[in-house]
Every structure is written in structure tokens, then in C-alpha cells.
C-alpha atoms as a PDB file:
ATOM      1  CA  MET A   1      55.777  52.816  68.838  1.00  0.00           C
ATOM      2  CA  GLU A   2      56.990  53.730  65.403  1.00  0.00           C
ATOM      3  CA  LEU A   3      59.146  56.489  63.927  1.00  0.00           C
ATOM      4  CA  GLU A   4      58.737  56.670  60.169  1.00  0.00           C
ATOM      5  CA  ILE A   5      61.230  58.629  58.074  1.00  0.00           C
ATOM      6  CA  LYS A   6      60.089  59.325  54.519  1.00  0.00           C
ATOM      7  CA  ASN A   7      62.227  60.704  51.685  1.00  0.00           C
ATOM      8  CA  LEU A   8      64.364  62.888  53.942  1.00  0.00           C
ATOM      9  CA  ASN A   9      66.786  65.302  52.288  1.00  0.00           C
ATOM     10  CA  LYS A  10      69.193  67.853  53.739  1.00  0.00           C
ATOM     11  CA  ASN A  11      71.798  69.891  51.886  1.00  0.00           C
ATOM     12  CA  TYR A  12      74.586  72.138  53.116  1.00  0.00           C
ATOM     13  CA  GLY A  13      75.381  74.282  50.115  1.00  0.00           C
ATOM     14  CA  LYS A  14      76.085  71.901  47.236  1.00  0.00           C
ATOM     15  CA  LYS A  15      76.773  68.959  49.544  1.00  0.00           C
ATOM     16  CA  ALA A  16      73.962  66.487  50.196  1.00  0.00           C
ATOM     17  CA  ALA A  17      74.180  65.572  53.896  1.00  0.00           C
ATOM     18  CA  LEU A  18      71.097  63.339  53.600  1.00  0.00           C
ATOM     19  CA  ASN A  19      69.895  61.926  50.296  1.00  0.00           C
ATOM     20  CA  ASN A  20      66.358  60.539  50.196  1.00  0.00           C
ATOM     21  CA  ILE A  21      66.500  58.678  53.521  1.00  0.00           C
ATOM     22  CA  SER A  22      63.539  56.390  54.253  1.00  0.00           C
ATOM     23  CA  LEU A  23      63.405  54.185  57.378  1.00  0.00           C
ATOM     24  CA  THR A  24      60.823  52.805  59.777  1.00  0.00           C
ATOM     25  CA  LEU A  25      62.162  52.481  63.321  1.00  0.00           C
ATOM     26  CA  LYS A  26      60.409  50.551  66.085  1.00  0.00           C
ATOM     27  CA  ASN A  27      60.948  49.640  69.744  1.00  0.00           C
ATOM     28  CA  GLY A  28      64.413  48.363  70.489  1.00  0.00           C
ATOM     29  CA  ILE A  29      67.888  49.711  69.805  1.00  0.00           C
ATOM     30  CA  THR A  30      68.658  50.865  66.281  1.00  0.00           C
ATOM     31  CA  GLY A  31      72.367  51.445  65.822  1.00  0.00           C
ATOM     32  CA  ILE A  32      73.713  53.790  63.175  1.00  0.00           C
ATOM     33  CA  LEU A  33      77.133  52.677  61.984  1.00  0.00           C
ATOM     34  CA  ALA A  34      78.969  54.782  59.429  1.00  0.00           C
ATOM     35  CA  PRO A  35      82.272  56.523  58.745  1.00  0.00           C
ATOM     36  CA  ASN A  36      82.668  60.225  59.503  1.00  0.00           C
ATOM     37  CA  GLY A  37      80.803  62.497  57.100  1.00  0.00           C
ATOM     38  CA  ALA A  38      78.133  59.915  56.257  1.00  0.00           C
ATOM     39  CA  GLY A  39      75.285  62.063  57.623  1.00  0.00           C
ATOM     40  CA  LYS A  40      74.461  60.266  60.855  1.00  0.00           C
ATOM     41  CA  THR A  41      74.750  63.336  63.109  1.00  0.00           C
ATOM     42  CA  THR A  42      72.625  65.369  60.676  1.00  0.00           C
ATOM     43  CA  LEU A  43      69.969  62.642  60.776  1.00  0.00           C
ATOM     44  CA  LEU A  44      69.944  62.561  64.587  1.00  0.00           C
ATOM     45  CA  ARG A  45      69.709  66.359  64.838  1.00  0.00           C
ATOM     46  CA  ILE A  46      66.654  66.304  62.576  1.00  0.00           C
ATOM     47  CA  LEU A  47      65.068  63.455  64.556  1.00  0.00           C
ATOM     48  CA  ALA A  48      65.564  65.587  67.681  1.00  0.00           C
ATOM     49  CA  THR A  49      64.037  68.644  65.866  1.00  0.00           C
ATOM     50  CA  ILE A  50      67.264  70.603  66.444  1.00  0.00           C
ATOM     51  CA  SER A  51      67.508  70.930  62.673  1.00  0.00           C
ATOM     52  CA  THR A  52      64.918  70.793  59.896  1.00  0.00           C
ATOM     53  CA  PRO A  53      65.078  68.864  56.615  1.00  0.00           C
ATOM     54  CA  ASP A  54      64.955  70.515  53.207  1.00  0.00           C
ATOM     55  CA  SER A  55      62.292  68.027  52.212  1.00  0.00           C
ATOM     56  CA  GLY A  56      60.681  64.843  53.464  1.00  0.00           C
ATOM     57  CA  ASN A  57      58.728  63.973  56.591  1.00  0.00           C
ATOM     58  CA  ILE A  58      59.111  62.191  59.919  1.00  0.00           C
ATOM     59  CA  TYR A  59      56.101  60.685  61.686  1.00  0.00           C
ATOM     60  CA  PHE A  60      55.829  59.467  65.264  1.00  0.00           C
ATOM     61  CA  ASN A  61      52.948  57.000  65.488  1.00  0.00           C
ATOM     62  CA  GLY A  62      51.494  58.575  62.354  1.00  0.00           C
ATOM     63  CA  LYS A  63      51.870  62.235  63.405  1.00  0.00           C
ATOM     64  CA  ASP A  64      54.329  64.671  61.854  1.00  0.00           C
ATOM     65  CA  ILE A  65      56.956  65.437  64.523  1.00  0.00           C
ATOM     66  CA  PHE A  66      57.363  69.073  63.469  1.00  0.00           C
ATOM     67  CA  GLU A  67      53.615  69.620  63.661  1.00  0.00           C
ATOM     68  CA  MET A  68      53.565  67.908  67.068  1.00  0.00           C
ATOM     69  CA  GLY A  69      56.127  70.440  68.317  1.00  0.00           C
ATOM     70  CA  LYS A  70      56.403  70.475  72.106  1.00  0.00           C
ATOM     71  CA  SER A  71      54.312  67.327  72.540  1.00  0.00           C
ATOM     72  CA  TYR A  72      57.002  65.445  70.564  1.00  0.00           C
ATOM     73  CA  ARG A  73      59.920  67.106  72.331  1.00  0.00           C
ATOM     74  CA  ASP A  74      58.351  66.182  75.676  1.00  0.00           C
ATOM     75  CA  ILE A  75      58.729  62.479  74.886  1.00  0.00           C
ATOM     76  CA  ILE A  76      62.274  62.466  73.510  1.00  0.00           C
ATOM     77  CA  GLY A  77      65.675  62.470  75.149  1.00  0.00           C
ATOM     78  CA  TYR A  78      68.644  63.716  73.130  1.00  0.00           C
ATOM     79  CA  LEU A  79      72.386  63.584  73.717  1.00  0.00           C
ATOM     80  CA  PRO A  80      74.403  65.471  71.078  1.00  0.00           C
ATOM     81  CA  GLN A  81      77.907  64.391  70.185  1.00  0.00           C
ATOM     82  CA  ASP A  82      79.422  67.582  71.628  1.00  0.00           C
ATOM     83  CA  PHE A  83      77.572  68.123  74.889  1.00  0.00           C
ATOM     84  CA  GLY A  84      78.500  71.216  76.889  1.00  0.00           C
ATOM     85  CA  VAL A  85      78.059  71.777  80.617  1.00  0.00           C
ATOM     86  CA  TYR A  86      77.931  74.774  82.951  1.00  0.00           C
ATOM     87  CA  PRO A  87      81.282  74.325  84.750  1.00  0.00           C
ATOM     88  CA  ASN A  88      80.359  76.188  87.960  1.00  0.00           C
ATOM     89  CA  GLN A  89      77.162  74.226  88.559  1.00  0.00           C
ATOM     90  CA  THR A  90      77.075  71.052  90.584  1.00  0.00           C
ATOM     91  CA  ALA A  91      75.824  67.872  88.942  1.00  0.00           C
ATOM     92  CA  GLU A  92      72.635  68.074  91.012  1.00  0.00           C
ATOM     93  CA  LYS A  93      71.888  71.702  90.089  1.00  0.00           C
ATOM     94  CA  PHE A  94      72.690  71.073  86.444  1.00  0.00           C
ATOM     95  CA  LEU A  95      70.175  68.223  86.270  1.00  0.00           C
ATOM     96  CA  ARG A  96      67.627  70.251  88.225  1.00  0.00           C
ATOM     97  CA  TYR A  97      67.872  72.969  85.572  1.00  0.00           C
ATOM     98  CA  PHE A  98      67.180  70.428  82.813  1.00  0.00           C
ATOM     99  CA  ALA A  99      64.381  68.821  84.824  1.00  0.00           C
ATOM    100  CA  VAL A 100      62.578  72.170  85.010  1.00  0.00           C
ATOM    101  CA  LEU A 101      63.080  72.713  81.259  1.00  0.00           C
ATOM    102  CA  LYS A 102      61.612  69.272  80.600  1.00  0.00           C
ATOM    103  CA  GLY A 103      58.560  70.051  82.746  1.00  0.00           C
ATOM    104  CA  ILE A 104      59.158  67.443  85.459  1.00  0.00           C
ATOM    105  CA  SER A 105      56.969  68.189  88.473  1.00  0.00           C
ATOM    106  CA  LYS A 106      58.568  69.552  91.656  1.00  0.00           C
ATOM    107  CA  GLU A 107      57.392  66.494  93.579  1.00  0.00           C
ATOM    108  CA  LYS A 108      59.351  64.168  91.258  1.00  0.00           C
ATOM    109  CA  ILE A 109      62.513  66.162  90.565  1.00  0.00           C
ATOM    110  CA  ASP A 110      64.584  65.041  93.561  1.00  0.00           C
ATOM    111  CA  TYR A 111      63.661  61.390  93.076  1.00  0.00           C
ATOM    112  CA  LYS A 112      64.399  61.488  89.321  1.00  0.00           C
ATOM    113  CA  ILE A 113      67.760  63.204  89.807  1.00  0.00           C
ATOM    114  CA  ASP A 114      68.862  60.661  92.416  1.00  0.00           C
ATOM    115  CA  GLU A 115      67.614  57.773  90.270  1.00  0.00           C
ATOM    116  CA  ILE A 116      69.421  58.956  87.141  1.00  0.00           C
ATOM    117  CA  LEU A 117      72.652  59.823  88.955  1.00  0.00           C
ATOM    118  CA  ASP A 118      72.692  56.273  90.298  1.00  0.00           C
ATOM    119  CA  ILE A 119      72.209  54.852  86.794  1.00  0.00           C
ATOM    120  CA  VAL A 120      75.207  56.806  85.467  1.00  0.00           C
ATOM    121  CA  SER A 121      77.293  56.130  88.627  1.00  0.00           C
ATOM    122  CA  LEU A 122      77.607  59.758  89.694  1.00  0.00           C
ATOM    123  CA  SER A 123      75.637  59.756  92.964  1.00  0.00           C
ATOM    124  CA  HIS A 124      78.809  60.204  94.983  1.00  0.00           C
ATOM    125  CA  VAL A 125      79.705  63.481  93.200  1.00  0.00           C
ATOM    126  CA  LYS A 126      76.293  65.110  92.879  1.00  0.00           C
ATOM    127  CA  LYS A 127      77.443  68.066  95.036  1.00  0.00           C
ATOM    128  CA  LYS A 128      80.674  68.525  93.044  1.00  0.00           C
ATOM    129  CA  LYS A 129      81.044  71.260  90.419  1.00  0.00           C
ATOM    130  CA  LEU A 130      81.141  70.063  86.831  1.00  0.00           C
ATOM    131  CA  LYS A 131      84.467  71.815  86.162  1.00  0.00           C
ATOM    132  CA  THR A 132      86.070  69.168  88.381  1.00  0.00           C
ATOM    133  CA  PHE A 133      84.657  66.311  86.254  1.00  0.00           C
ATOM    134  CA  SER A 134      86.685  64.266  83.794  1.00  0.00           C
ATOM    135  CA  GLY A 135      85.619  63.983  80.153  1.00  0.00           C
ATOM    136  CA  GLY A 136      83.956  60.634  80.832  1.00  0.00           C
ATOM    137  CA  MET A 137      82.044  62.012  83.821  1.00  0.00           C
ATOM    138  CA  LYS A 138      80.770  64.944  81.745  1.00  0.00           C
ATOM    139  CA  LYS A 139      79.584  62.472  79.114  1.00  0.00           C
ATOM    140  CA  ARG A 140      77.675  60.595  81.820  1.00  0.00           C
ATOM    141  CA  ILE A 141      76.013  63.853  82.916  1.00  0.00           C
ATOM    142  CA  GLY A 142      74.939  64.310  79.289  1.00  0.00           C
ATOM    143  CA  ILE A 143      73.450  60.823  79.286  1.00  0.00           C
ATOM    144  CA  ALA A 144      71.703  61.635  82.579  1.00  0.00           C
ATOM    145  CA  GLN A 145      69.951  64.739  81.215  1.00  0.00           C
ATOM    146  CA  ALA A 146      68.748  62.757  78.192  1.00  0.00           C
ATOM    147  CA  LEU A 147      67.120  60.200  80.517  1.00  0.00           C
ATOM    148  CA  LEU A 148      65.507  62.632  82.983  1.00  0.00           C
ATOM    149  CA  ASN A 149      62.059  62.781  81.402  1.00  0.00           C
ATOM    150  CA  ASP A 150      61.778  58.996  80.967  1.00  0.00           C
ATOM    151  CA  PRO A 151      61.704  59.433  77.162  1.00  0.00           C
ATOM    152  CA  LYS A 152      59.799  57.206  74.777  1.00  0.00           C
ATOM    153  CA  VAL A 153      62.329  58.054  72.048  1.00  0.00           C
ATOM    154  CA  LEU A 154      65.985  58.234  73.090  1.00  0.00           C
ATOM    155  CA  ILE A 155      68.423  59.726  70.556  1.00  0.00           C
ATOM    156  CA  LEU A 156      72.107  59.278  71.410  1.00  0.00           C
ATOM    157  CA  ASP A 157      75.038  60.515  69.331  1.00  0.00           C
ATOM    158  CA  GLU A 158      78.267  58.757  70.379  1.00  0.00           C
ATOM    159  CA  PRO A 159      77.070  58.246  73.981  1.00  0.00           C
ATOM    160  CA  THR A 160      79.820  55.869  75.091  1.00  0.00           C
ATOM    161  CA  ALA A 161      82.797  57.882  73.825  1.00  0.00           C
ATOM    162  CA  SER A 162      85.047  58.742  76.808  1.00  0.00           C
ATOM    163  CA  LEU A 163      83.451  56.086  79.020  1.00  0.00           C
ATOM    164  CA  ASP A 164      85.697  53.432  80.485  1.00  0.00           C
ATOM    165  CA  PRO A 165      84.884  49.754  79.720  1.00  0.00           C
ATOM    166  CA  ASP A 166      82.942  49.150  82.942  1.00  0.00           C
ATOM    167  CA  GLU A 167      80.853  52.302  82.434  1.00  0.00           C
ATOM    168  CA  ARG A 168      80.145  51.329  78.828  1.00  0.00           C
ATOM    169  CA  ILE A 169      78.965  47.857  79.808  1.00  0.00           C
ATOM    170  CA  LYS A 170      76.720  49.208  82.579  1.00  0.00           C
ATOM    171  CA  PHE A 171      75.201  51.825  80.275  1.00  0.00           C
ATOM    172  CA  ARG A 172      74.785  49.310  77.456  1.00  0.00           C
ATOM    173  CA  ASP A 173      72.979  46.892  79.781  1.00  0.00           C
ATOM    174  CA  PHE A 174      70.729  49.717  80.936  1.00  0.00           C
ATOM    175  CA  LEU A 175      69.841  50.587  77.332  1.00  0.00           C
ATOM    176  CA  ILE A 176      68.952  46.964  76.616  1.00  0.00           C
ATOM    177  CA  THR A 177      66.636  46.946  79.647  1.00  0.00           C
ATOM    178  CA  ILE A 178      64.761  50.134  78.768  1.00  0.00           C
ATOM    179  CA  SER A 179      64.579  49.442  75.021  1.00  0.00           C
ATOM    180  CA  LYS A 180      61.817  46.869  75.498  1.00  0.00           C
ATOM    181  CA  SER A 181      59.315  49.706  75.859  1.00  0.00           C
ATOM    182  CA  ARG A 182      61.213  52.492  74.091  1.00  0.00           C
ATOM    183  CA  LEU A 183      62.695  53.415  70.769  1.00  0.00           C
ATOM    184  CA  VAL A 184      66.442  53.974  71.125  1.00  0.00           C
ATOM    185  CA  ILE A 185      68.564  55.370  68.294  1.00  0.00           C
ATOM    186  CA  LEU A 186      72.277  55.030  68.917  1.00  0.00           C
ATOM    187  CA  SER A 187      75.082  56.370  66.764  1.00  0.00           C
ATOM    188  CA  THR A 188      78.533  55.076  67.679  1.00  0.00           C
ATOM    189  CA  HIS A 189      81.998  54.256  66.363  1.00  0.00           C
ATOM    190  CA  ILE A 190      82.370  51.532  68.992  1.00  0.00           C
ATOM    191  CA  VAL A 191      81.341  48.449  67.054  1.00  0.00           C
ATOM    192  CA  SER A 192      81.231  46.210  70.129  1.00  0.00           C
ATOM    193  CA  ASP A 193      78.439  48.342  71.638  1.00  0.00           C
ATOM    194  CA  LEU A 194      76.173  47.594  68.696  1.00  0.00           C
ATOM    195  CA  GLU A 195      77.218  43.954  68.537  1.00  0.00           C
ATOM    196  CA  ALA A 196      76.047  43.506  72.127  1.00  0.00           C
ATOM    197  CA  ALA A 197      72.958  45.715  72.141  1.00  0.00           C
ATOM    198  CA  ALA A 198      71.478  46.612  68.742  1.00  0.00           C
ATOM    199  CA  THR A 199      68.311  44.967  67.447  1.00  0.00           C
ATOM    200  CA  ASP A 200      68.824  46.607  64.036  1.00  0.00           C
ATOM    201  CA  ILE A 201      71.683  48.443  62.351  1.00  0.00           C
ATOM    202  CA  VAL A 202      71.598  51.229  59.770  1.00  0.00           C
ATOM    203  CA  PHE A 203      74.688  51.440  57.570  1.00  0.00           C
ATOM    204  CA  MET A 204      75.129  54.849  55.917  1.00  0.00           C
ATOM    205  CA  ARG A 205      77.454  56.237  53.284  1.00  0.00           C
ATOM    206  CA  GLU A 206      77.530  59.771  51.841  1.00  0.00           C
ATOM    207  CA  GLY A 207      74.079  60.678  53.125  1.00  0.00           C
ATOM    208  CA  GLN A 208      72.379  57.480  51.983  1.00  0.00           C
ATOM    209  CA  VAL A 209      71.226  54.314  53.722  1.00  0.00           C
ATOM    210  CA  ILE A 210      73.074  51.399  52.185  1.00  0.00           C
ATOM    211  CA  SER A 211      71.580  48.752  54.463  1.00  0.00           C
ATOM    212  CA  TYR A 212      69.052  48.459  57.296  1.00  0.00           C
ATOM    213  CA  ILE A 213      69.462  45.012  58.758  1.00  0.00           C
ATOM    214  CA  SER A 214      69.578  43.026  61.995  1.00  0.00           C
ATOM    215  CA  PRO A 215      73.025  42.074  63.348  1.00  0.00           C
ATOM    216  CA  GLU A 216      72.173  38.403  62.789  1.00  0.00           C
ATOM    217  CA  GLU A 217      71.314  39.016  59.133  1.00  0.00           C
ATOM    218  CA  ALA A 218      74.451  41.100  58.650  1.00  0.00           C
ATOM    219  CA  LEU A 219      76.647  38.395  60.154  1.00  0.00           C
ATOM    220  CA  SER A 220      75.020  35.722  57.999  1.00  0.00           C
ATOM    221  CA  GLU A 221      76.182  37.589  54.876  1.00  0.00           C
ATOM    222  CA  LEU A 222      79.759  36.824  55.891  1.00  0.00           C
ATOM    223  CA  GLU A 223      79.339  33.117  56.625  1.00  0.00           C
ATOM    224  CA  ASP A 224      82.306  31.247  55.114  1.00  0.00           C
ATOM    225  CA  LYS A 225      83.957  34.556  54.132  1.00  0.00           C
ATOM    226  CA  VAL A 226      86.192  35.281  57.130  1.00  0.00           C
ATOM    227  CA  TYR A 227      89.607  33.644  57.562  1.00  0.00           C
ATOM    228  CA  GLU A 228      92.341  34.062  60.122  1.00  0.00           C
ATOM    229  CA  VAL A 229      96.004  33.896  59.172  1.00  0.00           C
ATOM    230  CA  LEU A 230      98.639  33.622  61.893  1.00  0.00           C
ATOM    231  CA  THR A 231     101.714  35.464  60.680  1.00  0.00           C
ATOM    232  CA  SER A 232     104.669  37.642  61.680  1.00  0.00           C
ATOM    233  CA  LEU A 233     104.520  41.392  62.189  1.00  0.00           C
ATOM    234  CA  GLU A 234     106.618  41.925  59.074  1.00  0.00           C
ATOM    235  CA  MET A 235     104.065  40.083  56.914  1.00  0.00           C
ATOM    236  CA  VAL A 236     101.032  42.108  58.020  1.00  0.00           C
ATOM    237  CA  PRO A 237     101.531  45.028  55.545  1.00  0.00           C
ATOM    238  CA  LYS A 238     101.920  42.549  52.677  1.00  0.00           C
ATOM    239  CA  LEU A 239      98.690  40.777  53.619  1.00  0.00           C
ATOM    240  CA  LYS A 240      96.879  44.135  53.814  1.00  0.00           C
ATOM    241  CA  LYS A 241      97.992  44.947  50.272  1.00  0.00           C
ATOM    242  CA  LYS A 242      96.915  41.538  48.998  1.00  0.00           C
ATOM    243  CA  TYR A 243      93.598  41.057  50.843  1.00  0.00           C
ATOM    244  CA  ILE A 244      90.774  42.910  52.575  1.00  0.00           C
ATOM    245  CA  VAL A 245      91.809  42.854  56.242  1.00  0.00           C
ATOM    246  CA  SER A 246      89.234  43.742  58.874  1.00  0.00           C
ATOM    247  CA  HIS A 247      91.412  43.391  61.946  1.00  0.00           C
ATOM    248  CA  SER A 248      94.726  42.177  63.272  1.00  0.00           C
ATOM    249  CA  MET A 249      95.518  41.111  66.816  1.00  0.00           C
ATOM    250  CA  ASN A 250      98.752  40.431  68.634  1.00  0.00           C
ATOM    251  CA  LYS A 251      98.869  36.896  70.022  1.00  0.00           C
ATOM    252  CA  LYS A 252     101.488  34.892  71.906  1.00  0.00           C
ATOM    253  CA  ASP A 253     102.621  33.000  68.802  1.00  0.00           C
ATOM    254  CA  GLY A 254     102.241  35.763  66.188  1.00  0.00           C
ATOM    255  CA  ILE A 255      99.820  38.264  64.655  1.00  0.00           C
ATOM    256  CA  ALA A 256      96.311  36.975  63.863  1.00  0.00           C
ATOM    257  CA  VAL A 257      95.053  38.718  60.726  1.00  0.00           C
ATOM    258  CA  ARG A 258      91.349  38.491  59.785  1.00  0.00           C
ATOM    259  CA  ILE A 259      90.851  38.356  56.016  1.00  0.00           C
ATOM    260  CA  LEU A 260      87.510  38.797  54.223  1.00  0.00           C
ATOM    261  CA  GLY A 261      86.557  37.145  50.947  1.00  0.00           C
ATOM    262  CA  ASP A 262      87.770  33.969  49.305  1.00  0.00           C
ATOM    263  CA  LYS A 263      90.096  31.590  51.127  1.00  0.00           C
ATOM    264  CA  PRO A 264      93.611  33.090  51.115  1.00  0.00           C
ATOM    265  CA  GLU A 265      96.578  31.316  49.612  1.00  0.00           C
ATOM    266  CA  GLU A 266      98.364  31.364  52.974  1.00  0.00           C
ATOM    267  CA  LYS A 267      97.611  28.786  55.644  1.00  0.00           C
ATOM    268  CA  SER A 268      94.398  29.945  57.311  1.00  0.00           C
ATOM    269  CA  THR A 269      91.480  28.973  59.500  1.00  0.00           C
ATOM    270  CA  MET A 270      87.856  29.844  58.777  1.00  0.00           C
ATOM    271  CA  VAL A 271      86.397  31.806  61.717  1.00  0.00           C
ATOM    272  CA  GLU A 272      83.005  33.139  62.767  1.00  0.00           C
ATOM    273  CA  PRO A 273      82.331  36.686  61.524  1.00  0.00           C
ATOM    274  CA  ASN A 274      81.861  39.583  63.913  1.00  0.00           C
ATOM    275  CA  LEU A 275      80.406  43.050  63.446  1.00  0.00           C
ATOM    276  CA  GLU A 276      83.816  44.597  62.829  1.00  0.00           C
ATOM    277  CA  ASP A 277      84.149  42.243  59.873  1.00  0.00           C
ATOM    278  CA  VAL A 278      80.699  43.360  58.684  1.00  0.00           C
ATOM    279  CA  TYR A 279      81.723  47.026  58.938  1.00  0.00           C
ATOM    280  CA  THR A 280      84.778  46.375  56.776  1.00  0.00           C
ATOM    281  CA  TYR A 281      82.709  44.299  54.351  1.00  0.00           C
ATOM    282  CA  TYR A 282      80.147  47.054  53.825  1.00  0.00           C
ATOM    283  CA  TYR A 283      82.620  49.885  53.378  1.00  0.00           C
ATOM    284  CA  GLN A 284      85.408  48.158  51.460  1.00  0.00           C
ATOM    285  CA  ILE A 285      83.756  45.346  49.501  1.00  0.00           C
ATOM    286  CA  LYS A 286      79.994  45.583  49.109  1.00  0.00           C
ATOM    287  CA  CYS A 287      79.636  49.325  48.412  1.00  0.00           C
END
């Protein structure tokens, strides 16, 4: 499968939300990593046909998605960043409503609902009203509705926000499993999710793609460029003023500060880069 984005533009007034975006996405998990306001939610809304571009085209296996209409929407699953629920419906009834909208046959609805509720660990509360659910549980119901129709293209905007660590790992593992035969597009602020799951990463800034690269290729750009300095808490602000710091961590014998770039003057140890280092590199050094 292939989703080809060609010269996509979208403006809101004088602000360019998307500026000449061109990408070719294939099976696997493509992560979109960008600061707020970079255009990632706008891009996902257009890919889900919730919004339309001002210019440009998107093709699924060579066919324009807007010309495909319902036949395209039938094969996608979409979870928006702000997903609302009907508070007085039970989880089971809520998913049944979406199953009917998605055209799932009556013979399959009960099986699909039970299957999906098990995947998102909500089987035990399927008879409970959604108003009793926590924020994380409501997010899992949103994930469940996106998966109901067994989509070929799965579009997820911040899907793991509000999930606890165990839920995130389970969901991430599930995405890895299904991505072998599907095209998954995942926008997130949780860098570790992409580090563990993404086959490719799109870095965006101010409506433009600044890099489309595999995690391995991204990490290789920082070989020999990441150093760790063990210091006191009082020294951390001084190091941040002097160097590009991607992360600091409290350890038993001090604060470990990760510095990007040339070897620092302070005593340091070269360390392996991680995706958080890459994020800092792209948005504070490279661009």
C-alpha cells in the first residue's frame, strides 16, 4: 500500500499551516514528530478527509482520496487529538454506534466489539457508562473506534496521551503487530513511543517537512555528538546556557546532563544518541 502526498498546501488566513508538503508513506508506522503549531494535526485531518487542502493532492494506491470518497473512508481509522464521547452511553453501545456508521455487518459487530475492547483492556467495563471513565479510559475508547473496521490506513493524533505506561506499551506492541500489513500514521509528543515503534519519522516545522528519515538514519547523524556530564544541580543552568542540552536526569551521584555537539570542556563521557537527542538536534541545531 502507498499513500502519496503531493505539493499539499493549507492556509488559515495569512498563516500557512502546510507549505508544499510532499511525502510517500508505505506500510509500517510513520511517526510525525514536531513542536506545537508545526501543522501535524492539520496534515492528519486532511489525510482523514475531515479537512480539505487549498491545493495539492493525496493518492491512495494511485487514486485521489477525495475522488474515492466513501470507498477511502471505509478503509481508514481515525483518532483525533480531542476525541469526544457520549457520556450516558456504555462502552459497548458507543462502539456499536460507530460499528453501524462504519458499515460493519450485524453478524460481525458483537465479535468485533469484544475483540477491540480486549485489545484496549476495557472488556471488564463494557457495560459501564462513559461518564464514569477516566481520561485514559476515554482515550482507549477512541482508539477502539478507530480500529473497529480493521482499517488499512490508521491515522492517530496523540493516541497515547493519558495512557499509563503499561497501556502505552501494550498499545505500542499492538501497533507494531498490525503495521506489517497496514499503513499507520502516528503523531505524538512521546518520543519513546516512536523510538520503539516507528519505521520512519517525519520532522515538521512551521508547516514544512524538514526531514523524512528512519530512526536508525536519524540516530546515525548524532554519532560522536552526544556527551554526558555528571554535575551538581547548581551547575545545570550554567551548562544549559553554554551548550545545547537535550536532557538531564537525576542520578545517585549527581545530575547527568546530555550535551549535543562538540566535546564539552567539562569532564564528559561520549554516549549513544537517542531519539530525544535527535529531536533537540533538529529543532535547536540543524534547522
